[in-house]
Amino acid sequence: MLLMKMEKISIFLLILLVFSVEMKVEAERCRLASVGCSSDAVCNQYCWSKYPNGHGECYRPAGFPIVQCACTYDC
């Protein structure tokens, strides 16, 4: 019973890992989202340090139960 639950959790985490990055380009701006976000300030600091002119904020996509950190930056 416990093994089956662990398998389901492992499969769920694998699916999250595979689909955790989303990118779209709009008017020379790129947006990259990753799973997990504790606060807007932490997300913004992460995006600022990783991408030039990067800004970040936490958001929850429709129909998805986990909050993500979305970075917007110049492409």
Protein backbone atom coordinates (compact mmCIF):
# COMPACT_ATOMS: atom_id res chain seq x y z
CA MET A 1 0.00 0.00 0.00
CA LEU A 2 2.74 2.45 0.97
CA LEU A 3 4.79 1.44 -2.05
CA MET A 4 1.88 2.21 -4.39
CA LYS A 5 1.46 5.66 -2.84
CA MET A 6 5.17 6.33 -3.24
CA GLU A 7 4.98 5.26 -6.89
CA LYS A 8 2.08 7.65 -7.50
CA ILE A 9 3.94 10.49 -5.78
CA SER A 10 7.08 9.72 -7.81
CA ILE A 11 5.11 9.77 -11.05
CA PHE A 12 3.44 13.05 -10.05
CA LEU A 13 6.81 14.63 -9.23
CA LEU A 14 8.27 13.39 -12.51
CA ILE A 15 5.38 14.95 -14.42
CA LEU A 16 5.93 18.23 -12.56
CA LEU A 17 9.62 18.16 -13.38
CA VAL A 18 8.99 17.52 -17.08
CA PHE A 19 6.35 20.24 -17.42
CA SER A 20 7.77 22.78 -14.95
CA VAL A 21 9.20 25.19 -17.52
CA GLU A 22 7.02 27.34 -19.71
CA MET A 23 8.34 29.99 -22.07
CA LYS A 24 6.64 32.45 -24.34
CA VAL A 25 7.96 35.44 -26.27
CA GLU A 26 5.98 38.67 -26.48
CA ALA A 27 7.45 41.90 -27.83
CA GLU A 28 11.08 41.07 -27.08
CA ARG A 29 10.26 39.89 -23.53
CA CYS A 30 10.61 36.28 -22.42
CA ARG A 31 8.82 34.61 -19.56
CA LEU A 32 10.10 31.55 -17.76
CA ALA A 33 8.26 29.80 -14.94
CA SER A 34 9.56 27.24 -12.48
CA VAL A 35 7.75 25.23 -9.82
CA GLY A 36 7.89 26.55 -6.29
CA CYS A 37 7.62 30.08 -4.98
CA SER A 38 7.84 31.17 -1.35
CA SER A 39 7.32 34.93 -1.85
CA ASP A 40 7.35 37.60 -4.55
CA ALA A 41 10.49 39.16 -3.07
CA VAL A 42 12.45 35.88 -3.20
CA CYS A 43 11.22 35.16 -6.73
CA ASN A 44 12.09 38.69 -7.88
CA GLN A 45 15.60 38.44 -6.37
CA TYR A 46 16.14 35.06 -8.07
CA CYS A 47 15.05 36.41 -11.46
CA TRP A 48 17.09 39.58 -11.08
CA SER A 49 20.26 37.59 -10.32
CA LYS A 50 19.74 35.02 -13.09
CA TYR A 51 18.49 37.12 -16.03
CA PRO A 52 19.48 40.60 -17.25
CA ASN A 53 16.70 43.07 -16.39
CA GLY A 54 14.75 40.17 -14.88
CA HIS A 55 11.69 40.62 -12.68
CA GLY A 56 9.75 37.88 -10.95
CA GLU A 57 6.53 37.20 -9.13
CA CYS A 58 4.66 34.21 -7.74
CA TYR A 59 1.56 33.03 -9.55
CA ARG A 60 -0.72 30.00 -9.72
CA PRO A 61 -1.73 28.88 -13.21
CA ALA A 62 -5.41 28.05 -13.68
CA GLY A 63 -6.11 24.44 -12.81
CA PHE A 64 -2.64 23.85 -11.33
CA PRO A 65 -2.40 23.51 -7.54
CA ILE A 66 1.25 24.55 -7.14
CA VAL A 67 2.49 28.15 -7.02
CA GLN A 68 5.22 28.98 -9.55
CA CYS A 69 7.90 31.66 -9.82
CA ALA A 70 7.53 33.52 -13.13
CA CYS A 71 10.55 35.44 -14.43
CA THR A 72 10.08 38.08 -17.12
CA TYR A 73 13.23 39.38 -18.79
CA ASP A 74 14.61 40.83 -22.05
CA CYS A 75 15.21 38.08 -24.62
